[in-house]
PDB file of N, CA and C in Angstrom:
ATOM      1  N   GLU A   1     115.856 107.737 110.888  1.00  0.00           N
ATOM      2  CA  GLU A   1     115.860 108.634 109.861  1.00  0.00           C
ATOM      3  C   GLU A   1     115.911 107.910 108.505  1.00  0.00           C
ATOM      4  N   HIS A   2     116.550 106.743 108.379  1.00  0.00           N
ATOM      5  CA  HIS A   2     116.513 106.029 107.137  1.00  0.00           C
ATOM      6  C   HIS A   2     115.001 105.533 106.817  1.00  0.00           C
ATOM      7  N   VAL A   3     114.446 104.927 107.784  1.00  0.00           N
ATOM      8  CA  VAL A   3     113.030 104.482 107.571  1.00  0.00           C
ATOM      9  C   VAL A   3     112.128 105.634 107.220  1.00  0.00           C
ATOM     10  N   SER A   4     112.224 106.728 107.988  1.00  0.00           N
ATOM     11  CA  SER A   4     111.500 108.076 107.678  1.00  0.00           C
ATOM     12  C   SER A   4     111.785 108.474 106.235  1.00  0.00           C
ATOM     13  N   SER A   5     112.855 108.179 105.605  1.00  0.00           N
ATOM     14  CA  SER A   5     113.103 108.540 104.297  1.00  0.00           C
ATOM     15  C   SER A   5     112.193 108.056 103.246  1.00  0.00           C
ATOM     16  N   PHE A   6     111.657 106.904 103.565  1.00  0.00           N
ATOM     17  CA  PHE A   6     110.661 106.195 102.768  1.00  0.00           C
ATOM     18  C   PHE A   6     109.194 106.399 103.038  1.00  0.00           C
ATOM     19  N   LEU A   7     108.943 107.551 103.809  1.00  0.00           N
ATOM     20  CA  LEU A   7     107.692 107.965 104.304  1.00  0.00           C
ATOM     21  C   LEU A   7     107.325 109.168 103.558  1.00  0.00           C
ATOM     22  N   PRO A   8     106.120 109.542 103.292  1.00  0.00           N
ATOM     23  CA  PRO A   8     105.907 110.943 102.704  1.00  0.00           C
ATOM     24  C   PRO A   8     106.416 111.935 103.501  1.00  0.00           C
ATOM     25  N   GLN A   9     106.690 112.999 102.944  1.00  0.00           N
ATOM     26  CA  GLN A   9     107.402 114.340 103.494  1.00  0.00           C
ATOM     27  C   GLN A   9     106.689 114.643 104.736  1.00  0.00           C
ATOM     28  N   GLY A  10     107.401 115.004 105.773  1.00  0.00           N
ATOM     29  CA  GLY A  10     106.671 115.473 106.983  1.00  0.00           C
ATOM     30  C   GLY A  10     106.182 114.410 107.992  1.00  0.00           C
ATOM     31  N   GLU A  11     106.447 113.164 107.637  1.00  0.00           N
ATOM     32  CA  GLU A  11     106.058 111.981 108.474  1.00  0.00           C
ATOM     33  C   GLU A  11     107.486 111.499 109.096  1.00  0.00           C
ATOM     34  N   ALA A  12     107.348 110.988 110.279  1.00  0.00           N
ATOM     35  CA  ALA A  12     108.648 110.462 110.924  1.00  0.00           C
ATOM     36  C   ALA A  12     108.196 109.179 111.578  1.00  0.00           C
ATOM     37  N   PHE A  13     109.079 108.082 111.392  1.00  0.00           N
ATOM     38  CA  PHE A  13     109.035 106.868 111.884  1.00  0.00           C
ATOM     39  C   PHE A  13     109.722 106.851 113.379  1.00  0.00           C
ATOM     40  N   GLY A  14     109.061 106.120 114.242  1.00  0.00           N
ATOM     41  CA  GLY A  14     109.502 105.979 115.644  1.00  0.00           C
ATOM     42  C   GLY A  14     109.267 104.685 116.206  1.00  0.00           C
ATOM     43  N   VAL A  15     110.210 104.369 117.149  1.00  0.00           N
ATOM     44  CA  VAL A  15     110.060 102.982 117.779  1.00  0.00           C
ATOM     45  C   VAL A  15     110.435 103.251 119.166  1.00  0.00           C
ATOM     46  N   ASP A  16     109.699 102.462 120.085  1.00  0.00           N
ATOM     47  CA  ASP A  16     109.772 102.453 121.469  1.00  0.00           C
ATOM     48  C   ASP A  16     110.253 100.937 121.824  1.00  0.00           C
ATOM     49  N   LEU A  17     111.588 100.774 121.994  1.00  0.00           N
ATOM     50  CA  LEU A  17     111.969  99.361 122.337  1.00  0.00           C
ATOM     51  C   LEU A  17     111.399  98.901 123.682  1.00  0.00           C
ATOM     52  N   ASP A  18     111.221  99.709 124.683  1.00  0.00           N
ATOM     53  CA  ASP A  18     110.794  99.347 125.965  1.00  0.00           C
ATOM     54  C   ASP A  18     109.347  98.751 126.003  1.00  0.00           C
ATOM     55  N   SER A  19     108.546  99.382 125.122  1.00  0.00           N
ATOM     56  CA  SER A  19     107.150  98.862 125.050  1.00  0.00           C
ATOM     57  C   SER A  19     106.906  97.902 123.827  1.00  0.00           C
ATOM     58  N   GLY A  20     107.958  97.909 122.974  1.00  0.00           N
ATOM     59  CA  GLY A  20     107.903  97.003 121.715  1.00  0.00           C
ATOM     60  C   GLY A  20     106.760  97.766 120.823  1.00  0.00           C
ATOM     61  N   ARG A  21     106.726  98.981 120.646  1.00  0.00           N
ATOM     62  CA  ARG A  21     105.783  99.698 119.781  1.00  0.00           C
ATOM     63  C   ARG A  21     106.619 100.491 118.725  1.00  0.00           C
ATOM     64  N   PHE A  22     106.043 100.472 117.554  1.00  0.00           N
ATOM     65  CA  PHE A  22     106.535 101.400 116.402  1.00  0.00           C
ATOM     66  C   PHE A  22     105.352 102.138 115.719  1.00  0.00           C
ATOM     67  N   GLY A  23     105.707 103.129 115.139  1.00  0.00           N
ATOM     68  CA  GLY A  23     104.508 103.828 114.407  1.00  0.00           C
ATOM     69  C   GLY A  23     105.098 105.230 113.945  1.00  0.00           C
ATOM     70  N   LEU A  24     104.190 106.237 113.969  1.00  0.00           N
ATOM     71  CA  LEU A  24     104.456 107.644 113.430  1.00  0.00           C
ATOM     72  C   LEU A  24     104.750 108.509 114.639  1.00  0.00           C
ATOM     73  N   VAL A  25     105.679 109.397 114.532  1.00  0.00           N
ATOM     74  CA  VAL A  25     105.889 110.496 115.628  1.00  0.00           C
ATOM     75  C   VAL A  25     105.158 111.621 115.254  1.00  0.00           C
ATOM     76  N   ARG A  26     104.443 112.198 115.989  1.00  0.00           N
ATOM     77  CA  ARG A  26     103.590 113.375 115.765  1.00  0.00           C
ATOM     78  C   ARG A  26     103.690 114.168 117.060  1.00  0.00           C
ATOM     79  N   GLY A  27     104.150 115.469 117.005  1.00  0.00           N
ATOM     80  CA  GLY A  27     104.203 116.288 118.254  1.00  0.00           C
ATOM     81  C   GLY A  27     105.079 115.793 119.260  1.00  0.00           C
ATOM     82  N   GLY A  28     106.130 114.966 118.821  1.00  0.00           N
ATOM     83  CA  GLY A  28     106.993 114.328 119.763  1.00  0.00           C
ATOM     84  C   GLY A  28     106.507 113.047 120.516  1.00  0.00           C
ATOM     85  N   GLN A  29     105.363 112.698 120.122  1.00  0.00           N
ATOM     86  CA  GLN A  29     104.724 111.500 120.617  1.00  0.00           C
ATOM     87  C   GLN A  29     104.691 110.475 119.653  1.00  0.00           C
ATOM     88  N   LEU A  30     104.834 109.103 120.082  1.00  0.00           N
ATOM     89  CA  LEU A  30     104.806 108.044 119.329  1.00  0.00           C
ATOM     90  C   LEU A  30     103.402 107.525 119.124  1.00  0.00           C
ATOM     91  N   HIS A  31     102.911 107.381 117.913  1.00  0.00           N
ATOM     92  CA  HIS A  31     101.543 106.915 117.669  1.00  0.00           C
ATOM     93  C   HIS A  31     101.511 105.602 116.997  1.00  0.00           C
ATOM     94  N   SER A  32     101.055 104.412 117.652  1.00  0.00           N
ATOM     95  CA  SER A  32     101.051 103.310 117.101  1.00  0.00           C
ATOM     96  C   SER A  32      99.767 102.800 116.712  1.00  0.00           C
ATOM     97  N   ALA A  33      98.756 103.416 117.104  1.00  0.00           N
ATOM     98  CA  ALA A  33      97.416 103.143 116.704  1.00  0.00           C
ATOM     99  C   ALA A  33      96.893 103.904 115.387  1.00  0.00           C
ATOM    100  N   LEU A  34      97.405 103.318 114.265  1.00  0.00           N
ATOM    101  CA  LEU A  34      97.507 104.029 113.017  1.00  0.00           C
ATOM    102  C   LEU A  34      96.207 103.565 112.195  1.00  0.00           C
ATOM    103  N   SER A  35      95.766 104.325 111.216  1.00  0.00           N
ATOM    104  CA  SER A  35      94.769 104.068 110.352  1.00  0.00           C
ATOM    105  C   SER A  35      95.318 102.956 109.405  1.00  0.00           C
ATOM    106  N   GLY A  36      94.452 102.391 108.585  1.00  0.00           N
ATOM    107  CA  GLY A  36      95.015 101.258 107.711  1.00  0.00           C
ATOM    108  C   GLY A  36      95.859 101.688 106.700  1.00  0.00           C
ATOM    109  N   ALA A  37      95.811 102.879 106.058  1.00  0.00           N
ATOM    110  CA  ALA A  37      96.719 103.267 105.123  1.00  0.00           C
ATOM    111  C   ALA A  37      98.074 103.800 105.870  1.00  0.00           C
ATOM    112  N   GLU A  38      97.912 104.355 106.994  1.00  0.00           N
ATOM    113  CA  GLU A  38      99.213 104.749 107.820  1.00  0.00           C
ATOM    114  C   GLU A  38     100.022 103.413 108.058  1.00  0.00           C
ATOM    115  N   TRP A  39      99.284 102.495 108.652  1.00  0.00           N
ATOM    116  CA  TRP A  39      99.887 101.194 108.934  1.00  0.00           C
ATOM    117  C   TRP A  39     100.535 100.546 107.890  1.00  0.00           C
ATOM    118  N   SER A  40      99.959 100.464 106.635  1.00  0.00           N
ATOM    119  CA  SER A  40     100.512  99.939 105.449  1.00  0.00           C
ATOM    120  C   SER A  40     101.748 100.565 105.075  1.00  0.00           C
ATOM    121  N   ARG A  41     101.650 102.034 104.878  1.00  0.00           N
ATOM    122  CA  ARG A  41     102.932 102.783 104.481  1.00  0.00           C
ATOM    123  C   ARG A  41     103.925 102.647 105.672  1.00  0.00           C
ATOM    124  N   THR A  42     103.732 102.607 106.787  1.00  0.00           N
ATOM    125  CA  THR A  42     104.800 102.565 107.868  1.00  0.00           C
ATOM    126  C   THR A  42     105.448 101.178 107.672  1.00  0.00           C
ATOM    127  N   LEU A  43     104.652 100.116 107.509  1.00  0.00           N
ATOM    128  CA  LEU A  43     105.325  98.741 107.285  1.00  0.00           C
ATOM    129  C   LEU A  43     106.184  98.808 106.015  1.00  0.00           C
ATOM    130  N   LEU A  44     105.784  99.328 104.969  1.00  0.00           N
ATOM    131  CA  LEU A  44     106.449  99.460 103.644  1.00  0.00           C
ATOM    132  C   LEU A  44     107.744 100.216 103.894  1.00  0.00           C
ATOM    133  N   ALA A  45     107.694 101.288 104.629  1.00  0.00           N
ATOM    134  CA  ALA A  45     109.019 102.214 104.868  1.00  0.00           C
ATOM    135  C   ALA A  45     109.910 101.384 105.559  1.00  0.00           C
ATOM    136  N   LEU A  46     109.414 100.609 106.668  1.00  0.00           N
ATOM    137  CA  LEU A  46     110.351  99.715 107.490  1.00  0.00           C
ATOM    138  C   LEU A  46     110.917  98.758 106.585  1.00  0.00           C
ATOM    139  N   ALA A  47     110.194  98.111 105.929  1.00  0.00           N
ATOM    140  CA  ALA A  47     110.707  97.000 104.867  1.00  0.00           C
ATOM    141  C   ALA A  47     111.667  97.457 104.029  1.00  0.00           C
ATOM    142  N   ALA A  48     111.296  98.751 103.331  1.00  0.00           N
ATOM    143  CA  ALA A  48     112.110  99.152 102.250  1.00  0.00           C
ATOM    144  C   ALA A  48     113.466  99.646 102.763  1.00  0.00           C
ATOM    145  N   SER A  49     113.416 100.004 104.063  1.00  0.00           N
ATOM    146  CA  SER A  49     114.789 100.458 104.686  1.00  0.00           C
ATOM    147  C   SER A  49     115.875  99.364 105.005  1.00  0.00           C
ATOM    148  N   ARG A  50     115.441  98.093 104.863  1.00  0.00           N
ATOM    149  CA  ARG A  50     116.419  97.083 105.170  1.00  0.00           C
ATOM    150  C   ARG A  50     117.607  97.097 104.264  1.00  0.00           C
ATOM    151  N   GLN A  51     118.660  96.388 104.740  1.00  0.00           N
ATOM    152  CA  GLN A  51     119.903  96.357 104.002  1.00  0.00           C
ATOM    153  C   GLN A  51     119.499  95.275 102.859  1.00  0.00           C
ATOM    154  N   VAL A  52     120.019  95.837 101.618  1.00  0.00           N
ATOM    155  CA  VAL A  52     119.853  94.965 100.543  1.00  0.00           C
ATOM    156  C   VAL A  52     120.885  93.896 100.486  1.00  0.00           C
ATOM    157  N   GLY A  53     120.436  92.667 100.258  1.00  0.00           N
ATOM    158  CA  GLY A  53     121.479  91.500 100.101  1.00  0.00           C
ATOM    159  C   GLY A  53     121.303  90.911  98.838  1.00  0.00           C
ATOM    160  N   SER A  54     121.712  89.532  98.737  1.00  0.00           N
ATOM    161  CA  SER A  54     121.628  88.915  97.466  1.00  0.00           C
ATOM    162  C   SER A  54     120.363  88.236  97.210  1.00  0.00           C
ATOM    163  N   THR A  55     119.426  88.238  98.207  1.00  0.00           N
ATOM    164  CA  THR A  55     118.142  87.723  98.020  1.00  0.00           C
ATOM    165  C   THR A  55     117.171  88.767  97.464  1.00  0.00           C
ATOM    166  N   PRO A  56     116.512  88.495  96.409  1.00  0.00           N
ATOM    167  CA  PRO A  56     115.567  89.499  95.875  1.00  0.00           C
ATOM    168  C   PRO A  56     114.389  89.625  96.958  1.00  0.00           C
ATOM    169  N   CYS A  57     113.912  90.825  96.997  1.00  0.00           N
ATOM    170  CA  CYS A  57     112.846  91.167  97.921  1.00  0.00           C
ATOM    171  C   CYS A  57     111.824  91.923  97.258  1.00  0.00           C
ATOM    172  N   VAL A  58     110.399  91.365  97.354  1.00  0.00           N
ATOM    173  CA  VAL A  58     109.286  91.993  96.885  1.00  0.00           C
ATOM    174  C   VAL A  58     108.332  92.230  97.914  1.00  0.00           C
ATOM    175  N   LEU A  59     107.782  93.519  98.152  1.00  0.00           N
ATOM    176  CA  LEU A  59     106.892  93.783  99.072  1.00  0.00           C
ATOM    177  C   LEU A  59     105.337  93.915  98.527  1.00  0.00           C
ATOM    178  N   VAL A  60     104.459  93.258  98.937  1.00  0.00           N
ATOM    179  CA  VAL A  60     103.109  93.457  98.486  1.00  0.00           C
ATOM    180  C   VAL A  60     102.293  93.649  99.775  1.00  0.00           C
ATOM    181  N   PRO A  61     101.984  94.948 100.057  1.00  0.00           N
ATOM    182  CA  PRO A  61     101.035  95.197 101.132  1.00  0.00           C
ATOM    183  C   PRO A  61      99.582  94.940 100.806  1.00  0.00           C
ATOM    184  N   GLU A  62      98.740  94.660 101.769  1.00  0.00           N
ATOM    185  CA  GLU A  62      97.397  94.475 101.533  1.00  0.00           C
ATOM    186  C   GLU A  62      96.635  95.917 101.413  1.00  0.00           C
ATOM    187  N   ASP A  63      95.601  95.894 100.688  1.00  0.00           N
ATOM    188  CA  ASP A  63      94.891  97.195 100.333  1.00  0.00           C
ATOM    189  C   ASP A  63      94.256  97.608 101.766  1.00  0.00           C
ATOM    190  N   ARG A  64      94.534  98.779 102.240  1.00  0.00           N
ATOM    191  CA  ARG A  64      93.973  99.147 103.570  1.00  0.00           C
ATOM    192  C   ARG A  64      93.215 100.508 103.320  1.00  0.00           C
ATOM    193  N   ALA A  65      92.340 100.599 102.197  1.00  0.00           N
ATOM    194  CA  ALA A  65      91.541 101.871 102.223  1.00  0.00           C
ATOM    195  C   ALA A  65      92.371 103.060 101.820  1.00  0.00           C
ATOM    196  N   TRP A  66      93.218 102.826 100.921  1.00  0.00           N
ATOM    197  CA  TRP A  66      93.929 104.112 100.334  1.00  0.00           C
ATOM    198  C   TRP A  66      93.099 105.191  99.914  1.00  0.00           C
ATOM    199  N   SER A  67      93.389 106.559 100.164  1.00  0.00           N
ATOM    200  CA  SER A  67      92.693 107.436  99.390  1.00  0.00           C
ATOM    201  C   SER A  67      93.841 107.700  98.201  1.00  0.00           C
ATOM    202  N   ALA A  68      93.303 108.351  97.123  1.00  0.00           N
ATOM    203  CA  ALA A  68      94.153 108.492  96.073  1.00  0.00           C
ATOM    204  C   ALA A  68      95.309 109.385  96.371  1.00  0.00           C
ATOM    205  N   GLY A  69      95.202 110.440  97.130  1.00  0.00           N
ATOM    206  CA  GLY A  69      96.256 111.322  97.571  1.00  0.00           C
ATOM    207  C   GLY A  69      97.307 110.635  98.489  1.00  0.00           C
ATOM    208  N   THR A  70      96.885 109.789  99.401  1.00  0.00           N
ATOM    209  CA  THR A  70      97.651 109.261 100.319  1.00  0.00           C
ATOM    210  C   THR A  70      98.473 108.090  99.638  1.00  0.00           C
ATOM    211  N   LEU A  71      97.839 107.412  98.740  1.00  0.00           N
ATOM    212  CA  LEU A  71      98.545 106.489  97.787  1.00  0.00           C
ATOM    213  C   LEU A  71      99.581 107.087  97.072  1.00  0.00           C
ATOM    214  N   SER A  72      99.329 108.148  96.375  1.00  0.00           N
ATOM    215  CA  SER A  72     100.180 108.746  95.562  1.00  0.00           C
ATOM    216  C   SER A  72     101.527 109.272  96.388  1.00  0.00           C
ATOM    217  N   ASP A  73     101.231 109.890  97.542  1.00  0.00           N
ATOM    218  CA  ASP A  73     102.234 110.399  98.384  1.00  0.00           C
ATOM    219  C   ASP A  73     103.104 109.149  99.002  1.00  0.00           C
ATOM    220  N   THR A  74     102.674 108.109  99.185  1.00  0.00           N
ATOM    221  CA  THR A  74     103.269 106.906  99.610  1.00  0.00           C
ATOM    222  C   THR A  74     104.109 106.380  98.517  1.00  0.00           C
ATOM    223  N   MET A  75     103.551 106.457  97.269  1.00  0.00           N
ATOM    224  CA  MET A  75     104.402 105.958  96.081  1.00  0.00           C
ATOM    225  C   MET A  75     105.585 106.899  95.749  1.00  0.00           C
ATOM    226  N   ARG A  76     105.413 108.086  95.973  1.00  0.00           N
ATOM    227  CA  ARG A  76     106.435 109.104  95.756  1.00  0.00           C
ATOM    228  C   ARG A  76     107.587 108.788  96.707  1.00  0.00           C
ATOM    229  N   ALA A  77     107.285 108.651  97.981  1.00  0.00           N
ATOM    230  CA  ALA A  77     108.056 108.353  99.172  1.00  0.00           C
ATOM    231  C   ALA A  77     108.970 107.087  98.914  1.00  0.00           C
ATOM    232  N   LEU A  78     108.395 106.135  98.244  1.00  0.00           N
ATOM    233  CA  LEU A  78     109.014 104.799  98.064  1.00  0.00           C
ATOM    234  C   LEU A  78     109.782 104.649  96.744  1.00  0.00           C
ATOM    235  N   ALA A  79     109.630 105.742  95.895  1.00  0.00           N
ATOM    236  CA  ALA A  79     110.217 105.771  94.607  1.00  0.00           C
ATOM    237  C   ALA A  79     111.552 105.376  94.475  1.00  0.00           C
ATOM    238  N   GLU A  80     112.526 105.627  95.544  1.00  0.00           N
ATOM    239  CA  GLU A  80     113.880 105.175  95.629  1.00  0.00           C
ATOM    240  C   GLU A  80     114.091 104.004  96.240  1.00  0.00           C
ATOM    241  N   SER A  81     113.089 103.175  96.708  1.00  0.00           N
ATOM    242  CA  SER A  81     113.287 102.049  97.555  1.00  0.00           C
ATOM    243  C   SER A  81     114.172 100.991  96.733  1.00  0.00           C
ATOM    244  N   PRO A  82     115.075 100.348  97.397  1.00  0.00           N
ATOM    245  CA  PRO A  82     115.978  99.462  96.655  1.00  0.00           C
ATOM    246  C   PRO A  82     115.168  98.024  96.562  1.00  0.00           C
ATOM    247  N   VAL A  83     114.065  97.938  96.970  1.00  0.00           N
ATOM    248  CA  VAL A  83     113.275  96.636  96.796  1.00  0.00           C
ATOM    249  C   VAL A  83     112.044  96.831  95.781  1.00  0.00           C
ATOM    250  N   GLN A  84     111.576  95.857  95.285  1.00  0.00           N
ATOM    251  CA  GLN A  84     110.446  95.813  94.376  1.00  0.00           C
ATOM    252  C   GLN A  84     109.201  95.899  95.186  1.00  0.00           C
ATOM    253  N   ILE A  85     108.144  96.821  94.793  1.00  0.00           N
ATOM    254  CA  ILE A  85     106.918  96.950  95.574  1.00  0.00           C
ATOM    255  C   ILE A  85     105.768  96.944  94.470  1.00  0.00           C
ATOM    256  N   LEU A  86     104.815  96.036  94.867  1.00  0.00           N
ATOM    257  CA  LEU A  86     103.636  95.867  94.129  1.00  0.00           C
ATOM    258  C   LEU A  86     102.451  96.322  94.950  1.00  0.00           C
ATOM    259  N   ILE A  87     101.736  97.399  94.552  1.00  0.00           N
ATOM    260  CA  ILE A  87     100.688  97.811  95.414  1.00  0.00           C
ATOM    261  C   ILE A  87      99.303  97.623  94.714  1.00  0.00           C
ATOM    262  N   MET A  88      98.410  96.862  95.174  1.00  0.00           N
ATOM    263  CA  MET A  88      97.190  96.666  94.529  1.00  0.00           C
ATOM    264  C   MET A  88      96.151  97.633  95.317  1.00  0.00           C
ATOM    265  N   SER A  89      95.283  98.351  94.667  1.00  0.00           N
ATOM    266  CA  SER A  89      94.333  99.348  95.327  1.00  0.00           C
ATOM    267  C   SER A  89      93.036  99.482  94.473  1.00  0.00           C
ATOM    268  N   THR A  90      92.091  99.752  95.122  1.00  0.00           N
ATOM    269  CA  THR A  90      90.738 100.007  94.535  1.00  0.00           C
ATOM    270  C   THR A  90      90.620 101.434  94.132  1.00  0.00           C
ATOM    271  N   VAL A  91      91.625 102.273  94.395  1.00  0.00           N
ATOM    272  CA  VAL A  91      91.500 103.666  93.732  1.00  0.00           C
ATOM    273  C   VAL A  91      92.820 103.766  92.914  1.00  0.00           C
ATOM    274  N   ARG A  92      92.796 104.743  92.053  1.00  0.00           N
ATOM    275  CA  ARG A  92      93.818 105.028  91.020  1.00  0.00           C
ATOM    276  C   ARG A  92      94.626 106.108  91.482  1.00  0.00           C
ATOM    277  N   PRO A  93      95.915 106.000  91.840  1.00  0.00           N
ATOM    278  CA  PRO A  93      96.745 107.125  92.111  1.00  0.00           C
ATOM    279  C   PRO A  93      97.141 108.111  90.944  1.00  0.00           C
ATOM    280  N   ASP A  94      97.743 109.228  91.338  1.00  0.00           N
ATOM    281  CA  ASP A  94      98.226 109.894  90.306  1.00  0.00           C
ATOM    282  C   ASP A  94      99.286 109.192  89.598  1.00  0.00           C
ATOM    283  N   ASN A  95      99.757 109.660  88.335  1.00  0.00           N
ATOM    284  CA  ASN A  95     100.841 108.976  87.723  1.00  0.00           C
ATOM    285  C   ASN A  95     102.113 109.429  88.572  1.00  0.00           C
ATOM    286  N   VAL A  96     102.971 108.625  89.014  1.00  0.00           N
ATOM    287  CA  VAL A  96     103.986 108.912  89.943  1.00  0.00           C
ATOM    288  C   VAL A  96     105.349 108.340  89.215  1.00  0.00           C
ATOM    289  N   GLU A  97     106.272 109.283  88.924  1.00  0.00           N
ATOM    290  CA  GLU A  97     107.482 108.968  88.252  1.00  0.00           C
ATOM    291  C   GLU A  97     108.120 107.774  88.899  1.00  0.00           C
ATOM    292  N   GLY A  98     108.674 106.860  88.185  1.00  0.00           N
ATOM    293  CA  GLY A  98     109.270 105.608  88.599  1.00  0.00           C
ATOM    294  C   GLY A  98     108.447 104.451  88.907  1.00  0.00           C
ATOM    295  N   TRP A  99     107.056 104.570  88.773  1.00  0.00           N
ATOM    296  CA  TRP A  99     106.064 103.615  88.965  1.00  0.00           C
ATOM    297  C   TRP A  99     105.412 103.299  87.658  1.00  0.00           C
ATOM    298  N   HIS A 100     104.973 102.024  87.509  1.00  0.00           N
ATOM    299  CA  HIS A 100     104.132 101.502  86.492  1.00  0.00           C
ATOM    300  C   HIS A 100     102.839 101.232  86.924  1.00  0.00           C
ATOM    301  N   ILE A 101     101.790 101.901  86.429  1.00  0.00           N
ATOM    302  CA  ILE A 101     100.518 101.762  86.882  1.00  0.00           C
ATOM    303  C   ILE A 101      99.812 100.739  85.756  1.00  0.00           C
ATOM    304  N   ILE A 102      99.299  99.790  86.300  1.00  0.00           N
ATOM    305  CA  ILE A 102      98.281  98.817  85.486  1.00  0.00           C
ATOM    306  C   ILE A 102      96.874  98.982  85.969  1.00  0.00           C
ATOM    307  N   ASP A 103      96.091  99.480  85.217  1.00  0.00           N
ATOM    308  CA  ASP A 103      94.593  99.840  85.443  1.00  0.00           C
ATOM    309  C   ASP A 103      93.929  98.621  85.005  1.00  0.00           C
ATOM    310  N   LEU A 104      93.204  98.000  85.926  1.00  0.00           N
ATOM    311  CA  LEU A 104      92.485  96.699  85.481  1.00  0.00           C
ATOM    312  C   LEU A 104      90.933  96.977  85.506  1.00  0.00           C
ATOM    313  N   THR A 105      90.582  98.319  85.547  1.00  0.00           N
ATOM    314  CA  THR A 105      89.112  98.440  85.497  1.00  0.00           C
ATOM    315  C   THR A 105      88.582  98.343  84.021  1.00  0.00           C
ATOM    316  N   PRO A 106      87.308  97.700  84.028  1.00  0.00           N
ATOM    317  CA  PRO A 106      86.777  97.728  82.600  1.00  0.00           C
ATOM    318  C   PRO A 106      86.485  98.925  81.904  1.00  0.00           C
ATOM    319  N   ARG A 107      86.768  98.938  80.676  1.00  0.00           N
ATOM    320  CA  ARG A 107      86.517 100.177  79.983  1.00  0.00           C
ATOM    321  C   ARG A 107      85.269  99.994  78.958  1.00  0.00           C
TER     322      ARG A 107
END
């Protein structure tokens, strides 16, 4: 439940310790063959859910072909993360409260 709290609403994290798989639960089934964006946001949610200690933590996922909507939903879900997250993307997300967007496209 704690990991799922860092995923977009309606998504649930799952793990099968017997098979060593983790991913998203849909219809009661664990899905570990995820798209690039699903894989990235699942790893971000897992990392964001860790216990915060004295060591600073910065998460920088690789760009995995985000769509603007998926990226915005992921950013909203991670807005309360106790760790610093830097996301670089080829698409511009919506303005999401709690995030600073730096647009590097030429004007």
